[in-house]
């Protein structure tokens, strides 16, 4: 096997690995965006629930050691 063929095989392997990693990153990005939307909705729902109860939102409460 000559050096050129060896280099071509390594480049082909690296290209495949880069494509696979790119697919993984794209899937993770989509999942993070989906989870971010869910967290936002849950935060809104909790804020609405606290407002309906007349409670002070947790973010505005003083820590217990004050």
C-alpha atoms as a PDB file:
ATOM      1  CA  UNK A   1       0.000   0.000   0.000  1.00  0.00           C
ATOM      2  CA  UNK A   2       1.499   3.323  -0.960  1.00  0.00           C
ATOM      3  CA  UNK A   3       1.462   6.482   1.129  1.00  0.00           C
ATOM      4  CA  UNK A   4      -1.110   8.259  -1.039  1.00  0.00           C
ATOM      5  CA  UNK A   5      -3.629   5.458  -0.652  1.00  0.00           C
ATOM      6  CA  UNK A   6      -3.062   5.415   3.112  1.00  0.00           C
ATOM      7  CA  UNK A   7      -3.640   9.161   3.323  1.00  0.00           C
ATOM      8  CA  UNK A   8      -6.784   8.921   1.181  1.00  0.00           C
ATOM      9  CA  UNK A   9      -8.175   6.186   3.445  1.00  0.00           C
ATOM     10  CA  UNK A  10      -7.482   8.248   6.551  1.00  0.00           C
ATOM     11  CA  UNK A  11      -9.102  11.336   5.020  1.00  0.00           C
ATOM     12  CA  UNK A  12     -12.173   9.296   4.038  1.00  0.00           C
ATOM     13  CA  UNK A  13     -12.409   7.943   7.581  1.00  0.00           C
ATOM     14  CA  UNK A  14     -12.074  11.420   9.092  1.00  0.00           C
ATOM     15  CA  UNK A  15     -14.745  12.806   6.755  1.00  0.00           C
ATOM     16  CA  UNK A  16     -17.139  10.069   7.866  1.00  0.00           C
ATOM     17  CA  UNK A  17     -16.389  10.790  11.537  1.00  0.00           C
ATOM     18  CA  UNK A  18     -16.947  14.532  11.029  1.00  0.00           C
ATOM     19  CA  UNK A  19     -20.297  13.874   9.324  1.00  0.00           C
ATOM     20  CA  UNK A  20     -21.366  11.551  12.142  1.00  0.00           C
ATOM     21  CA  UNK A  21     -20.389  14.108  14.775  1.00  0.00           C
ATOM     22  CA  UNK A  22     -22.208  16.825  12.870  1.00  0.00           C
ATOM     23  CA  UNK A  23     -25.373  14.708  12.935  1.00  0.00           C
ATOM     24  CA  UNK A  24     -25.004  14.185  16.680  1.00  0.00           C
ATOM     25  CA  UNK A  25     -24.557  17.910  17.301  1.00  0.00           C
ATOM     26  CA  UNK A  26     -27.601  18.726  15.149  1.00  0.00           C
ATOM     27  CA  UNK A  27     -29.745  16.238  17.106  1.00  0.00           C
ATOM     28  CA  UNK A  28     -28.499  17.607  20.428  1.00  0.00           C
ATOM     29  CA  UNK A  29     -29.247  21.165  19.308  1.00  0.00           C
ATOM     30  CA  UNK A  30     -32.805  20.216  18.403  1.00  0.00           C
ATOM     31  CA  UNK A  31     -33.258  18.432  21.743  1.00  0.00           C
ATOM     32  CA  UNK A  32     -31.872  21.387  23.709  1.00  0.00           C
ATOM     33  CA  UNK A  33     -34.214  23.768  21.909  1.00  0.00           C
ATOM     34  CA  UNK A  34     -37.191  21.480  22.603  1.00  0.00           C
ATOM     35  CA  UNK A  35     -36.257  21.147  26.278  1.00  0.00           C
ATOM     36  CA  UNK A  36     -35.744  24.912  26.549  1.00  0.00           C
ATOM     37  CA  UNK A  37     -39.268  25.504  25.257  1.00  0.00           C
ATOM     38  CA  UNK A  38     -40.645  23.005  27.777  1.00  0.00           C
ATOM     39  CA  UNK A  39     -38.796  24.661  30.663  1.00  0.00           C
ATOM     40  CA  UNK A  40     -40.142  28.050  29.558  1.00  0.00           C
ATOM     41  CA  UNK A  41     -43.693  26.713  29.479  1.00  0.00           C
ATOM     42  CA  UNK A  42     -43.289  25.115  32.896  1.00  0.00           C
ATOM     43  CA  UNK A  43     -41.938  28.354  34.346  1.00  0.00           C
ATOM     44  CA  UNK A  44     -44.888  30.290  32.931  1.00  0.00           C
ATOM     45  CA  UNK A  45     -47.326  27.717  34.287  1.00  0.00           C
ATOM     46  CA  UNK A  46     -45.754  27.881  37.758  1.00  0.00           C
ATOM     47  CA  UNK A  47     -45.756  31.695  37.733  1.00  0.00           C
ATOM     48  CA  UNK A  48     -49.460  31.673  36.789  1.00  0.00           C
ATOM     49  CA  UNK A  49     -50.201  29.175  39.567  1.00  0.00           C
ATOM     50  CA  UNK A  50     -48.345  31.265  42.145  1.00  0.00           C
ATOM     51  CA  UNK A  51     -50.119  34.420  40.981  1.00  0.00           C
ATOM     52  CA  UNK A  52     -53.507  32.703  41.205  1.00  0.00           C
ATOM     53  CA  UNK A  53     -52.762  31.617  44.783  1.00  0.00           C
ATOM     54  CA  UNK A  54     -51.649  35.107  45.712  1.00  0.00           C
ATOM     55  CA  UNK A  55     -48.309  33.767  46.903  1.00  0.00           C
ATOM     56  CA  UNK A  56     -45.085  35.686  46.553  1.00  0.00           C
ATOM     57  CA  UNK A  57     -43.172  34.137  43.638  1.00  0.00           C
ATOM     58  CA  UNK A  58     -40.280  32.019  44.853  1.00  0.00           C
ATOM     59  CA  UNK A  59     -37.795  34.206  42.971  1.00  0.00           C
ATOM     60  CA  UNK A  60     -38.994  37.254  44.958  1.00  0.00           C
ATOM     61  CA  UNK A  61     -38.988  35.628  48.397  1.00  0.00           C
ATOM     62  CA  UNK A  62     -36.265  36.468  50.899  1.00  0.00           C
ATOM     63  CA  UNK A  63     -34.003  33.574  51.840  1.00  0.00           C
ATOM     64  CA  UNK A  64     -34.902  31.989  55.210  1.00  0.00           C
ATOM     65  CA  UNK A  65     -31.705  33.206  56.886  1.00  0.00           C
ATOM     66  CA  UNK A  66     -32.734  36.897  56.482  1.00  0.00           C
END
